[in-house]
Amino acid sequence: MQVEMEVARERFRSRIVRLAIVSVLVDAGAAVLAYLFERGGPHAFADVWAALFWTTTQLLTVSSQLPNPERTATKFLDVGLELYAIVVVATLAGAFSDVLHHRTRKHIHQRHMSMRQPSE
């Protein structure tokens, strides 16, 4: 049972680390794309950092004071970022559920073992 719990913890940690790394890469890549797509538009991003702020707020599903994108490619990028954010939230929920399930099983097993009385 202890080995199973350690495997669940390691799987949880690796999922979170991979998810964080991929999310940072998606955020940075999307910022560059958003900057390039919106260049020349009336509300173009002033620089890549402004685009990074916008993509980060989109991934965090938080509103920003920046206007919505005007170019079609950036609108598709926006929808893609929102979909990615939903997948990340679902993945996090699954990872937490997995580790909590194994933790609960471990506690139930320990409680069951402590309640067993040896026959005398």
PDB file of N, CA and C in Angstrom:
ATOM      1  N   MET A   1       0.828  -1.192   0.000  1.00  0.00           N
ATOM      2  CA  MET A   1       0.000   0.000   0.000  1.00  0.00           C
ATOM      3  C   MET A   1       0.872   1.256   0.000  1.00  0.00           C
ATOM      4  N   GLN A   2       1.974   1.232   0.773  1.00  0.00           N
ATOM      5  CA  GLN A   2       2.864   2.389   0.847  1.00  0.00           C
ATOM      6  C   GLN A   2       3.499   2.665  -0.511  1.00  0.00           C
ATOM      7  N   VAL A   3       3.879   1.601  -1.217  1.00  0.00           N
ATOM      8  CA  VAL A   3       4.493   1.756  -2.539  1.00  0.00           C
ATOM      9  C   VAL A   3       3.493   2.389  -3.503  1.00  0.00           C
ATOM     10  N   GLU A   4       2.257   1.959  -3.418  1.00  0.00           N
ATOM     11  CA  GLU A   4       1.204   2.515  -4.271  1.00  0.00           C
ATOM     12  C   GLU A   4       1.032   4.011  -4.031  1.00  0.00           C
ATOM     13  N   MET A   5       1.104   4.420  -2.769  1.00  0.00           N
ATOM     14  CA  MET A   5       0.965   5.834  -2.432  1.00  0.00           C
ATOM     15  C   MET A   5       2.155   6.628  -2.960  1.00  0.00           C
ATOM     16  N   GLU A   6       3.352   6.084  -2.856  1.00  0.00           N
ATOM     17  CA  GLU A   6       4.544   6.766  -3.374  1.00  0.00           C
ATOM     18  C   GLU A   6       4.463   6.923  -4.891  1.00  0.00           C
ATOM     19  N   VAL A   7       3.968   5.896  -5.562  1.00  0.00           N
ATOM     20  CA  VAL A   7       3.792   5.972  -7.017  1.00  0.00           C
ATOM     21  C   VAL A   7       2.782   7.070  -7.366  1.00  0.00           C
ATOM     22  N   ALA A   8       1.695   7.139  -6.611  1.00  0.00           N
ATOM     23  CA  ALA A   8       0.677   8.168  -6.856  1.00  0.00           C
ATOM     24  C   ALA A   8       1.249   9.569  -6.628  1.00  0.00           C
ATOM     25  N   ARG A   9       2.043   9.738  -5.571  1.00  0.00           N
ATOM     26  CA  ARG A   9       2.654  11.045  -5.307  1.00  0.00           C
ATOM     27  C   ARG A   9       3.621  11.436  -6.419  1.00  0.00           C
ATOM     28  N   GLU A  10       4.446  10.487  -6.848  1.00  0.00           N
ATOM     29  CA  GLU A  10       5.415  10.783  -7.909  1.00  0.00           C
ATOM     30  C   GLU A  10       4.698  11.097  -9.219  1.00  0.00           C
ATOM     31  N   ARG A  11       3.650  10.352  -9.507  1.00  0.00           N
ATOM     32  CA  ARG A  11       2.865  10.610 -10.715  1.00  0.00           C
ATOM     33  C   ARG A  11       2.235  12.004 -10.642  1.00  0.00           C
ATOM     34  N   PHE A  12       1.743  12.374  -9.457  1.00  0.00           N
ATOM     35  CA  PHE A  12       1.157  13.697  -9.250  1.00  0.00           C
ATOM     36  C   PHE A  12       2.200  14.789  -9.493  1.00  0.00           C
ATOM     37  N   ARG A  13       3.370  14.635  -8.861  1.00  0.00           N
ATOM     38  CA  ARG A  13       4.434  15.641  -9.022  1.00  0.00           C
ATOM     39  C   ARG A  13       4.847  15.778 -10.481  1.00  0.00           C
ATOM     40  N   SER A  14       5.047  14.661 -11.153  1.00  0.00           N
ATOM     41  CA  SER A  14       5.504  14.718 -12.545  1.00  0.00           C
ATOM     42  C   SER A  14       4.438  15.353 -13.445  1.00  0.00           C
ATOM     43  N   ARG A  15       3.178  15.073 -13.184  1.00  0.00           N
ATOM     44  CA  ARG A  15       2.105  15.692 -13.975  1.00  0.00           C
ATOM     45  C   ARG A  15       2.082  17.204 -13.783  1.00  0.00           C
ATOM     46  N   ILE A  16       2.224  17.640 -12.544  1.00  0.00           N
ATOM     47  CA  ILE A  16       2.194  19.067 -12.257  1.00  0.00           C
ATOM     48  C   ILE A  16       3.389  19.771 -12.900  1.00  0.00           C
ATOM     49  N   VAL A  17       4.569  19.171 -12.790  1.00  0.00           N
ATOM     50  CA  VAL A  17       5.770  19.778 -13.384  1.00  0.00           C
ATOM     51  C   VAL A  17       5.637  19.849 -14.900  1.00  0.00           C
ATOM     52  N   ARG A  18       5.210  18.747 -15.524  1.00  0.00           N
ATOM     53  CA  ARG A  18       5.029  18.751 -16.981  1.00  0.00           C
ATOM     54  C   ARG A  18       3.991  19.774 -17.409  1.00  0.00           C
ATOM     55  N   LEU A  19       2.908  19.847 -16.683  1.00  0.00           N
ATOM     56  CA  LEU A  19       1.845  20.798 -17.001  1.00  0.00           C
ATOM     57  C   LEU A  19       2.343  22.238 -16.875  1.00  0.00           C
ATOM     58  N   ALA A  20       3.132  22.507 -15.845  1.00  0.00           N
ATOM     59  CA  ALA A  20       3.677  23.861 -15.666  1.00  0.00           C
ATOM     60  C   ALA A  20       4.640  24.219 -16.797  1.00  0.00           C
ATOM     61  N   ILE A  21       5.525  23.302 -17.158  1.00  0.00           N
ATOM     62  CA  ILE A  21       6.497  23.566 -18.224  1.00  0.00           C
ATOM     63  C   ILE A  21       5.788  23.790 -19.554  1.00  0.00           C
ATOM     64  N   VAL A  22       4.852  22.909 -19.885  1.00  0.00           N
ATOM     65  CA  VAL A  22       4.120  23.049 -21.148  1.00  0.00           C
ATOM     66  C   VAL A  22       3.325  24.356 -21.156  1.00  0.00           C
ATOM     67  N   SER A  23       2.728  24.713 -20.022  1.00  0.00           N
ATOM     68  CA  SER A  23       1.936  25.944 -19.959  1.00  0.00           C
ATOM     69  C   SER A  23       2.805  27.184 -20.161  1.00  0.00           C
ATOM     70  N   VAL A  24       3.998  27.196 -19.601  1.00  0.00           N
ATOM     71  CA  VAL A  24       4.907  28.328 -19.801  1.00  0.00           C
ATOM     72  C   VAL A  24       5.304  28.417 -21.270  1.00  0.00           C
ATOM     73  N   LEU A  25       5.586  27.272 -21.884  1.00  0.00           N
ATOM     74  CA  LEU A  25       5.950  27.268 -23.305  1.00  0.00           C
ATOM     75  C   LEU A  25       4.778  27.712 -24.186  1.00  0.00           C
ATOM     76  N   VAL A  26       3.583  27.232 -23.876  1.00  0.00           N
ATOM     77  CA  VAL A  26       2.388  27.647 -24.625  1.00  0.00           C
ATOM     78  C   VAL A  26       2.178  29.148 -24.463  1.00  0.00           C
ATOM     79  N   ASP A  27       2.317  29.645 -23.262  1.00  0.00           N
ATOM     80  CA  ASP A  27       2.137  31.070 -22.995  1.00  0.00           C
ATOM     81  C   ASP A  27       3.144  31.912 -23.789  1.00  0.00           C
ATOM     82  N   ALA A  28       4.415  31.528 -23.735  1.00  0.00           N
ATOM     83  CA  ALA A  28       5.445  32.290 -24.453  1.00  0.00           C
ATOM     84  C   ALA A  28       5.238  32.224 -25.966  1.00  0.00           C
ATOM     85  N   GLY A  29       4.961  31.035 -26.483  1.00  0.00           N
ATOM     86  CA  GLY A  29       4.725  30.882 -27.920  1.00  0.00           C
ATOM     87  C   GLY A  29       3.505  31.652 -28.386  1.00  0.00           C
ATOM     88  N   ALA A  30       2.432  31.591 -27.604  1.00  0.00           N
ATOM     89  CA  ALA A  30       1.211  32.312 -27.959  1.00  0.00           C
ATOM     90  C   ALA A  30       1.433  33.825 -27.902  1.00  0.00           C
ATOM     91  N   ALA A  31       2.263  34.278 -26.973  1.00  0.00           N
ATOM     92  CA  ALA A  31       2.549  35.722 -26.886  1.00  0.00           C
ATOM     93  C   ALA A  31       3.249  36.210 -28.144  1.00  0.00           C
ATOM     94  N   VAL A  32       4.222  35.456 -28.612  1.00  0.00           N
ATOM     95  CA  VAL A  32       4.930  35.837 -29.844  1.00  0.00           C
ATOM     96  C   VAL A  32       3.960  35.833 -31.019  1.00  0.00           C
ATOM     97  N   LEU A  33       3.134  34.790 -31.103  1.00  0.00           N
ATOM     98  CA  LEU A  33       2.150  34.718 -32.194  1.00  0.00           C
ATOM     99  C   LEU A  33       1.161  35.879 -32.118  1.00  0.00           C
ATOM    100  N   ALA A  34       0.648  36.158 -30.931  1.00  0.00           N
ATOM    101  CA  ALA A  34      -0.312  37.259 -30.778  1.00  0.00           C
ATOM    102  C   ALA A  34       0.326  38.583 -31.193  1.00  0.00           C
ATOM    103  N   TYR A  35       1.552  38.794 -30.778  1.00  0.00           N
ATOM    104  CA  TYR A  35       2.259  40.031 -31.158  1.00  0.00           C
ATOM    105  C   TYR A  35       2.380  40.138 -32.676  1.00  0.00           C
ATOM    106  N   LEU A  36       2.775  39.033 -33.305  1.00  0.00           N
ATOM    107  CA  LEU A  36       2.949  39.039 -34.765  1.00  0.00           C
ATOM    108  C   LEU A  36       1.615  39.185 -35.497  1.00  0.00           C
ATOM    109  N   PHE A  37       0.587  38.494 -35.023  1.00  0.00           N
ATOM    110  CA  PHE A  37      -0.717  38.546 -35.675  1.00  0.00           C
ATOM    111  C   PHE A  37      -1.343  39.935 -35.604  1.00  0.00           C
ATOM    112  N   GLU A  38      -1.183  40.619 -34.495  1.00  0.00           N
ATOM    113  CA  GLU A  38      -1.841  41.902 -34.279  1.00  0.00           C
ATOM    114  C   GLU A  38      -1.021  43.098 -34.760  1.00  0.00           C
ATOM    115  N   ARG A  39       0.205  42.862 -35.190  1.00  0.00           N
ATOM    116  CA  ARG A  39       1.036  43.989 -35.656  1.00  0.00           C
ATOM    117  C   ARG A  39       0.327  44.760 -36.759  1.00  0.00           C
ATOM    118  N   GLY A  40       0.373  46.056 -36.666  1.00  0.00           N
ATOM    119  CA  GLY A  40      -0.240  46.904 -37.672  1.00  0.00           C
ATOM    120  C   GLY A  40      -1.710  47.190 -37.434  1.00  0.00           C
ATOM    121  N   GLY A  41      -2.311  46.498 -36.487  1.00  0.00           N
ATOM    122  CA  GLY A  41      -3.727  46.718 -36.180  1.00  0.00           C
ATOM    123  C   GLY A  41      -3.904  47.949 -35.306  1.00  0.00           C
ATOM    124  N   PRO A  42      -5.139  48.453 -35.245  1.00  0.00           N
ATOM    125  CA  PRO A  42      -5.406  49.649 -34.446  1.00  0.00           C
ATOM    126  C   PRO A  42      -5.075  49.483 -32.958  1.00  0.00           C
ATOM    127  N   HIS A  43      -5.256  48.281 -32.425  1.00  0.00           N
ATOM    128  CA  HIS A  43      -4.968  48.023 -31.006  1.00  0.00           C
ATOM    129  C   HIS A  43      -3.842  47.007 -30.876  1.00  0.00           C
ATOM    130  N   ALA A  44      -2.854  47.131 -31.734  1.00  0.00           N
ATOM    131  CA  ALA A  44      -1.732  46.187 -31.706  1.00  0.00           C
ATOM    132  C   ALA A  44      -1.008  46.265 -30.365  1.00  0.00           C
ATOM    133  N   PHE A  45      -0.420  45.146 -29.966  1.00  0.00           N
ATOM    134  CA  PHE A  45       0.356  45.129 -28.730  1.00  0.00           C
ATOM    135  C   PHE A  45       1.596  46.000 -28.922  1.00  0.00           C
ATOM    136  N   ALA A  46       1.928  46.776 -27.897  1.00  0.00           N
ATOM    137  CA  ALA A  46       3.085  47.674 -27.983  1.00  0.00           C
ATOM    138  C   ALA A  46       4.382  46.889 -28.120  1.00  0.00           C
ATOM    139  N   ASP A  47       4.458  45.755 -27.448  1.00  0.00           N
ATOM    140  CA  ASP A  47       5.648  44.905 -27.524  1.00  0.00           C
ATOM    141  C   ASP A  47       5.256  43.477 -27.140  1.00  0.00           C
ATOM    142  N   VAL A  48       6.217  42.598 -27.179  1.00  0.00           N
ATOM    143  CA  VAL A  48       5.945  41.190 -26.859  1.00  0.00           C
ATOM    144  C   VAL A  48       5.508  41.042 -25.403  1.00  0.00           C
ATOM    145  N   TRP A  49       6.018  41.902 -24.511  1.00  0.00           N
ATOM    146  CA  TRP A  49       5.633  41.820 -23.100  1.00  0.00           C
ATOM    147  C   TRP A  49       4.148  42.120 -22.907  1.00  0.00           C
ATOM    148  N   ALA A  50       3.626  43.059 -23.656  1.00  0.00           N
ATOM    149  CA  ALA A  50       2.189  43.340 -23.586  1.00  0.00           C
ATOM    150  C   ALA A  50       1.393  42.144 -24.104  1.00  0.00           C
ATOM    151  N   ALA A  51       1.899  41.523 -25.164  1.00  0.00           N
ATOM    152  CA  ALA A  51       1.244  40.320 -25.690  1.00  0.00           C
ATOM    153  C   ALA A  51       1.323  39.186 -24.675  1.00  0.00           C
ATOM    154  N   LEU A  52       2.456  39.075 -23.977  1.00  0.00           N
ATOM    155  CA  LEU A  52       2.606  38.042 -22.945  1.00  0.00           C
ATOM    156  C   LEU A  52       1.617  38.284 -21.807  1.00  0.00           C
ATOM    157  N   PHE A  53       1.432  39.526 -21.435  1.00  0.00           N
ATOM    158  CA  PHE A  53       0.444  39.844 -20.401  1.00  0.00           C
ATOM    159  C   PHE A  53      -0.946  39.401 -20.856  1.00  0.00           C
ATOM    160  N   TRP A  54      -1.288  39.694 -22.104  1.00  0.00           N
ATOM    161  CA  TRP A  54      -2.598  39.320 -22.625  1.00  0.00           C
ATOM    162  C   TRP A  54      -2.764  37.802 -22.661  1.00  0.00           C
ATOM    163  N   THR A  55      -1.769  37.078 -23.187  1.00  0.00           N
ATOM    164  CA  THR A  55      -1.903  35.618 -23.265  1.00  0.00           C
ATOM    165  C   THR A  55      -1.961  34.998 -21.879  1.00  0.00           C
ATOM    166  N   THR A  56      -1.202  35.544 -20.946  1.00  0.00           N
ATOM    167  CA  THR A  56      -1.237  35.008 -19.573  1.00  0.00           C
ATOM    168  C   THR A  56      -2.606  35.209 -18.951  1.00  0.00           C
ATOM    169  N   THR A  57      -3.200  36.383 -19.144  1.00  0.00           N
ATOM    170  CA  THR A  57      -4.537  36.605 -18.592  1.00  0.00           C
ATOM    171  C   THR A  57      -5.567  35.705 -19.272  1.00  0.00           C
ATOM    172  N   GLN A  58      -5.371  35.416 -20.546  1.00  0.00           N
ATOM    173  CA  GLN A  58      -6.288  34.507 -21.242  1.00  0.00           C
ATOM    174  C   GLN A  58      -6.155  33.096 -20.681  1.00  0.00           C
ATOM    175  N   LEU A  59      -4.932  32.649 -20.441  1.00  0.00           N
ATOM    176  CA  LEU A  59      -4.728  31.313 -19.895  1.00  0.00           C
ATOM    177  C   LEU A  59      -5.242  31.194 -18.465  1.00  0.00           C
ATOM    178  N   LEU A  60      -5.158  32.282 -17.722  1.00  0.00           N
ATOM    179  CA  LEU A  60      -5.662  32.280 -16.343  1.00  0.00           C
ATOM    180  C   LEU A  60      -7.156  32.564 -16.291  1.00  0.00           C
ATOM    181  N   THR A  61      -7.750  32.789 -17.446  1.00  0.00           N
ATOM    182  CA  THR A  61      -9.167  33.119 -17.605  1.00  0.00           C
ATOM    183  C   THR A  61      -9.557  34.317 -16.745  1.00  0.00           C
ATOM    184  N   VAL A  62      -8.672  35.293 -16.728  1.00  0.00           N
ATOM    185  CA  VAL A  62      -8.899  36.540 -15.997  1.00  0.00           C
ATOM    186  C   VAL A  62      -9.008  37.647 -17.031  1.00  0.00           C
ATOM    187  N   SER A  63      -9.855  38.606 -16.793  1.00  0.00           N
ATOM    188  CA  SER A  63      -9.977  39.734 -17.723  1.00  0.00           C
ATOM    189  C   SER A  63      -8.780  40.653 -17.599  1.00  0.00           C
ATOM    190  N   SER A  64      -8.441  41.276 -18.703  1.00  0.00           N
ATOM    191  CA  SER A  64      -7.403  42.301 -18.678  1.00  0.00           C
ATOM    192  C   SER A  64      -8.001  43.581 -19.246  1.00  0.00           C
ATOM    193  N   GLN A  65      -7.290  44.675 -19.069  1.00  0.00           N
ATOM    194  CA  GLN A  65      -7.781  45.945 -19.587  1.00  0.00           C
ATOM    195  C   GLN A  65      -7.472  46.095 -21.065  1.00  0.00           C
ATOM    196  N   LEU A  66      -6.744  45.140 -21.641  1.00  0.00           N
ATOM    197  CA  LEU A  66      -6.406  45.208 -23.063  1.00  0.00           C
ATOM    198  C   LEU A  66      -7.628  44.877 -23.911  1.00  0.00           C
ATOM    199  N   PRO A  67      -7.760  45.527 -25.072  1.00  0.00           N
ATOM    200  CA  PRO A  67      -8.915  45.223 -25.932  1.00  0.00           C
ATOM    201  C   PRO A  67      -8.818  43.810 -26.520  1.00  0.00           C
ATOM    202  N   ASN A  68      -9.948  43.286 -26.887  1.00  0.00           N
ATOM    203  CA  ASN A  68      -9.976  41.971 -27.534  1.00  0.00           C
ATOM    204  C   ASN A  68      -9.248  42.051 -28.873  1.00  0.00           C
ATOM    205  N   PRO A  69      -8.709  40.924 -29.327  1.00  0.00           N
ATOM    206  CA  PRO A  69      -7.995  40.944 -30.601  1.00  0.00           C
ATOM    207  C   PRO A  69      -8.925  41.291 -31.760  1.00  0.00           C
ATOM    208  N   GLU A  70      -8.331  41.879 -32.782  1.00  0.00           N
ATOM    209  CA  GLU A  70      -9.126  42.293 -33.936  1.00  0.00           C
ATOM    210  C   GLU A  70      -8.868  41.438 -35.168  1.00  0.00           C
ATOM    211  N   ARG A  71      -7.743  40.817 -35.236  1.00  0.00           N
ATOM    212  CA  ARG A  71      -7.400  39.995 -36.391  1.00  0.00           C
ATOM    213  C   ARG A  71      -7.929  38.582 -36.192  1.00  0.00           C
ATOM    214  N   THR A  72      -8.324  37.966 -37.297  1.00  0.00           N
ATOM    215  CA  THR A  72      -8.918  36.623 -37.244  1.00  0.00           C
ATOM    216  C   THR A  72      -7.966  35.606 -36.636  1.00  0.00           C
ATOM    217  N   ALA A  73      -6.697  35.646 -37.027  1.00  0.00           N
ATOM    218  CA  ALA A  73      -5.730  34.682 -36.498  1.00  0.00           C
ATOM    219  C   ALA A  73      -5.606  34.800 -34.983  1.00  0.00           C
ATOM    220  N   THR A  74      -5.619  36.018 -34.467  1.00  0.00           N
ATOM    221  CA  THR A  74      -5.507  36.216 -33.023  1.00  0.00           C
ATOM    222  C   THR A  74      -6.771  35.773 -32.315  1.00  0.00           C
ATOM    223  N   LYS A  75      -7.915  35.924 -32.964  1.00  0.00           N
ATOM    224  CA  LYS A  75      -9.165  35.441 -32.373  1.00  0.00           C
ATOM    225  C   LYS A  75      -9.135  33.919 -32.238  1.00  0.00           C
ATOM    226  N   PHE A  76      -8.630  33.246 -33.258  1.00  0.00           N
ATOM    227  CA  PHE A  76      -8.488  31.784 -33.169  1.00  0.00           C
ATOM    228  C   PHE A  76      -7.485  31.409 -32.078  1.00  0.00           C
ATOM    229  N   LEU A  77      -6.409  32.170 -31.977  1.00  0.00           N
ATOM    230  CA  LEU A  77      -5.432  31.940 -30.918  1.00  0.00           C
ATOM    231  C   LEU A  77      -6.084  32.114 -29.549  1.00  0.00           C
ATOM    232  N   ASP A  78      -6.917  33.124 -29.418  1.00  0.00           N
ATOM    233  CA  ASP A  78      -7.634  33.382 -28.164  1.00  0.00           C
ATOM    234  C   ASP A  78      -8.513  32.189 -27.791  1.00  0.00           C
ATOM    235  N   VAL A  79      -9.260  31.694 -28.738  1.00  0.00           N
ATOM    236  CA  VAL A  79     -10.122  30.528 -28.480  1.00  0.00           C
ATOM    237  C   VAL A  79      -9.266  29.316 -28.114  1.00  0.00           C
ATOM    238  N   GLY A  80      -8.159  29.138 -28.818  1.00  0.00           N
ATOM    239  CA  GLY A  80      -7.243  28.030 -28.499  1.00  0.00           C
ATOM    240  C   GLY A  80      -6.691  28.131 -27.085  1.00  0.00           C
ATOM    241  N   LEU A  81      -6.347  29.333 -26.668  1.00  0.00           N
ATOM    242  CA  LEU A  81      -5.850  29.529 -25.299  1.00  0.00           C
ATOM    243  C   LEU A  81      -6.928  29.212 -24.269  1.00  0.00           C
ATOM    244  N   GLU A  82      -8.145  29.619 -24.552  1.00  0.00           N
ATOM    245  CA  GLU A  82      -9.248  29.322 -23.632  1.00  0.00           C
ATOM    246  C   GLU A  82      -9.490  27.811 -23.534  1.00  0.00           C
ATOM    247  N   LEU A  83      -9.451  27.129 -24.669  1.00  0.00           N
ATOM    248  CA  LEU A  83      -9.612  25.667 -24.657  1.00  0.00           C
ATOM    249  C   LEU A  83      -8.470  25.002 -23.899  1.00  0.00           C
ATOM    250  N   TYR A  84      -7.251  25.482 -24.118  1.00  0.00           N
ATOM    251  CA  TYR A  84      -6.103  24.934 -23.401  1.00  0.00           C
ATOM    252  C   TYR A  84      -6.287  25.124 -21.890  1.00  0.00           C
ATOM    253  N   ALA A  85      -6.779  26.297 -21.488  1.00  0.00           N
ATOM    254  CA  ALA A  85      -6.997  26.562 -20.063  1.00  0.00           C
ATOM    255  C   ALA A  85      -8.004  25.577 -19.469  1.00  0.00           C
ATOM    256  N   ILE A  86      -9.043  25.249 -20.220  1.00  0.00           N
ATOM    257  CA  ILE A  86     -10.036  24.277 -19.745  1.00  0.00           C
ATOM    258  C   ILE A  86      -9.382  22.900 -19.573  1.00  0.00           C
ATOM    259  N   VAL A  87      -8.557  22.516 -20.532  1.00  0.00           N
ATOM    260  CA  VAL A  87      -7.862  21.226 -20.446  1.00  0.00           C
ATOM    261  C   VAL A  87      -6.936  21.201 -19.233  1.00  0.00           C
ATOM    262  N   VAL A  88      -6.244  22.294 -18.975  1.00  0.00           N
ATOM    263  CA  VAL A  88      -5.341  22.363 -17.819  1.00  0.00           C
ATOM    264  C   VAL A  88      -6.125  22.206 -16.522  1.00  0.00           C
ATOM    265  N   VAL A  89      -7.243  22.898 -16.392  1.00  0.00           N
ATOM    266  CA  VAL A  89      -8.054  22.796 -15.177  1.00  0.00           C
ATOM    267  C   VAL A  89      -8.558  21.363 -14.999  1.00  0.00           C
ATOM    268  N   ALA A  90      -9.021  20.745 -16.072  1.00  0.00           N
ATOM    269  CA  ALA A  90      -9.501  19.359 -15.986  1.00  0.00           C
ATOM    270  C   ALA A  90      -8.365  18.409 -15.617  1.00  0.00           C
ATOM    271  N   THR A  91      -7.188  18.626 -16.182  1.00  0.00           N
ATOM    272  CA  THR A  91      -6.034  17.787 -15.875  1.00  0.00           C
ATOM    273  C   THR A  91      -5.624  17.943 -14.418  1.00  0.00           C
ATOM    274  N   LEU A  92      -5.617  19.167 -13.929  1.00  0.00           N
ATOM    275  CA  LEU A  92      -5.299  19.395 -12.516  1.00  0.00           C
ATOM    276  C   LEU A  92      -6.312  18.706 -11.603  1.00  0.00           C
ATOM    277  N   ALA A  93      -7.580  18.801 -11.962  1.00  0.00           N
ATOM    278  CA  ALA A  93      -8.616  18.142 -11.162  1.00  0.00           C
ATOM    279  C   ALA A  93      -8.396  16.639 -11.147  1.00  0.00           C
ATOM    280  N   GLY A  94      -8.060  16.077 -12.290  1.00  0.00           N
ATOM    281  CA  GLY A  94      -7.797  14.645 -12.361  1.00  0.00           C
ATOM    282  C   GLY A  94      -6.579  14.237 -11.549  1.00  0.00           C
ATOM    283  N   ALA A  95      -5.522  15.038 -11.606  1.00  0.00           N
ATOM    284  CA  ALA A  95      -4.299  14.726 -10.857  1.00  0.00           C
ATOM    285  C   ALA A  95      -4.565  14.779  -9.349  1.00  0.00           C
ATOM    286  N   PHE A  96      -5.282  15.812  -8.899  1.00  0.00           N
ATOM    287  CA  PHE A  96      -5.610  15.896  -7.476  1.00  0.00           C
ATOM    288  C   PHE A  96      -6.530  14.755  -7.059  1.00  0.00           C
ATOM    289  N   SER A  97      -7.489  14.436  -7.896  1.00  0.00           N
ATOM    290  CA  SER A  97      -8.402  13.337  -7.596  1.00  0.00           C
ATOM    291  C   SER A  97      -7.648  12.018  -7.458  1.00  0.00           C
ATOM    292  N   ASP A  98      -6.695  11.780  -8.346  1.00  0.00           N
ATOM    293  CA  ASP A  98      -5.913  10.542  -8.300  1.00  0.00           C
ATOM    294  C   ASP A  98      -5.133  10.423  -7.002  1.00  0.00           C
ATOM    295  N   VAL A  99      -4.427  11.477  -6.629  1.00  0.00           N
ATOM    296  CA  VAL A  99      -3.609  11.406  -5.415  1.00  0.00           C
ATOM    297  C   VAL A  99      -4.489  11.328  -4.167  1.00  0.00           C
ATOM    298  N   LEU A 100      -5.612  12.037  -4.158  1.00  0.00           N
ATOM    299  CA  LEU A 100      -6.518  11.958  -3.013  1.00  0.00           C
ATOM    300  C   LEU A 100      -7.172  10.585  -2.905  1.00  0.00           C
ATOM    301  N   HIS A 101      -7.490   9.972  -4.033  1.00  0.00           N
ATOM    302  CA  HIS A 101      -8.058   8.621  -4.032  1.00  0.00           C
ATOM    303  C   HIS A 101      -7.076   7.631  -3.398  1.00  0.00           C
ATOM    304  N   HIS A 102      -5.806   7.714  -3.808  1.00  0.00           N
ATOM    305  CA  HIS A 102      -4.810   6.803  -3.246  1.00  0.00           C
ATOM    306  C   HIS A 102      -4.577   7.080  -1.757  1.00  0.00           C
ATOM    307  N   ARG A 103      -4.619   8.337  -1.376  1.00  0.00           N
ATOM    308  CA  ARG A 103      -4.439   8.689   0.035  1.00  0.00           C
ATOM    309  C   ARG A 103      -5.589   8.139   0.869  1.00  0.00           C
ATOM    310  N   THR A 104      -6.799   8.259   0.348  1.00  0.00           N
ATOM    311  CA  THR A 104      -7.968   7.737   1.063  1.00  0.00           C
ATOM    312  C   THR A 104      -7.883   6.220   1.189  1.00  0.00           C
ATOM    313  N   ARG A 105      -7.498   5.557   0.107  1.00  0.00           N
ATOM    314  CA  ARG A 105      -7.351   4.092   0.165  1.00  0.00           C
ATOM    315  C   ARG A 105      -6.318   3.687   1.203  1.00  0.00           C
ATOM    316  N   LYS A 106      -5.221   4.440   1.282  1.00  0.00           N
ATOM    317  CA  LYS A 106      -4.171   4.137   2.254  1.00  0.00           C
ATOM    318  C   LYS A 106      -4.714   4.270   3.668  1.00  0.00           C
ATOM    319  N   HIS A 107      -5.444   5.360   3.953  1.00  0.00           N
ATOM    320  CA  HIS A 107      -5.993   5.571   5.287  1.00  0.00           C
ATOM    321  C   HIS A 107      -7.018   4.498   5.651  1.00  0.00           C
ATOM    322  N   ILE A 108      -7.841   4.115   4.703  1.00  0.00           N
ATOM    323  CA  ILE A 108      -8.827   3.055   4.961  1.00  0.00           C
ATOM    324  C   ILE A 108      -8.115   1.741   5.252  1.00  0.00           C
ATOM    325  N   HIS A 109      -7.087   1.443   4.489  1.00  0.00           N
ATOM    326  CA  HIS A 109      -6.317   0.217   4.704  1.00  0.00           C
ATOM    327  C   HIS A 109      -5.663   0.238   6.085  1.00  0.00           C
ATOM    328  N   GLN A 110      -5.064   1.358   6.465  1.00  0.00           N
ATOM    329  CA  GLN A 110      -4.429   1.450   7.777  1.00  0.00           C
ATOM    330  C   GLN A 110      -5.452   1.306   8.899  1.00  0.00           C
ATOM    331  N   ARG A 111      -6.600   1.923   8.742  1.00  0.00           N
ATOM    332  CA  ARG A 111      -7.649   1.827   9.754  1.00  0.00           C
ATOM    333  C   ARG A 111      -8.142   0.385   9.864  1.00  0.00           C
ATOM    334  N   HIS A 112      -8.308  -0.272   8.726  1.00  0.00           N
ATOM    335  CA  HIS A 112      -8.752  -1.661   8.715  1.00  0.00           C
ATOM    336  C   HIS A 112      -7.731  -2.559   9.413  1.00  0.00           C
ATOM    337  N   MET A 113      -6.454  -2.321   9.136  1.00  0.00           N
ATOM    338  CA  MET A 113      -5.395  -3.143   9.741  1.00  0.00           C
ATOM    339  C   MET A 113      -5.303  -2.902  11.244  1.00  0.00           C
ATOM    340  N   SER A 114      -5.519  -1.674  11.700  1.00  0.00           N
ATOM    341  CA  SER A 114      -5.432  -1.381  13.130  1.00  0.00           C
ATOM    342  C   SER A 114      -6.629  -1.945  13.893  1.00  0.00           C
ATOM    343  N   MET A 115      -7.755  -2.130  13.216  1.00  0.00           N
ATOM    344  CA  MET A 115      -8.948  -2.664  13.877  1.00  0.00           C
ATOM    345  C   MET A 115      -8.920  -4.191  13.980  1.00  0.00           C
ATOM    346  N   ARG A 116      -8.104  -4.810  13.182  1.00  0.00           N
ATOM    347  CA  ARG A 116      -8.017  -6.278  13.241  1.00  0.00           C
ATOM    348  C   ARG A 116      -7.297  -6.679  14.519  1.00  0.00           C
ATOM    349  N   GLN A 117      -7.929  -7.525  15.247  1.00  0.00           N
ATOM    350  CA  GLN A 117      -7.358  -8.020  16.511  1.00  0.00           C
ATOM    351  C   GLN A 117      -6.832  -9.429  16.275  1.00  0.00           C
ATOM    352  N   PRO A 118      -5.587  -9.667  16.679  1.00  0.00           N
ATOM    353  CA  PRO A 118      -5.071 -11.046  16.516  1.00  0.00           C
ATOM    354  C   PRO A 118      -5.830 -12.013  17.434  1.00  0.00           C
ATOM    355  N   SER A 119      -6.058 -13.215  16.927  1.00  0.00           N
ATOM    356  CA  SER A 119      -6.758 -14.248  17.716  1.00  0.00           C
ATOM    357  C   SER A 119      -5.822 -14.788  18.769  1.00  0.00           C
ATOM    358  N   GLU A 120      -6.353 -14.934  19.966  1.00  0.00           N
ATOM    359  CA  GLU A 120      -5.528 -15.471  21.040  1.00  0.00           C
ATOM    360  C   GLU A 120      -6.015 -16.794  21.492  1.00  0.00           C
TER     361      GLU A 120
END
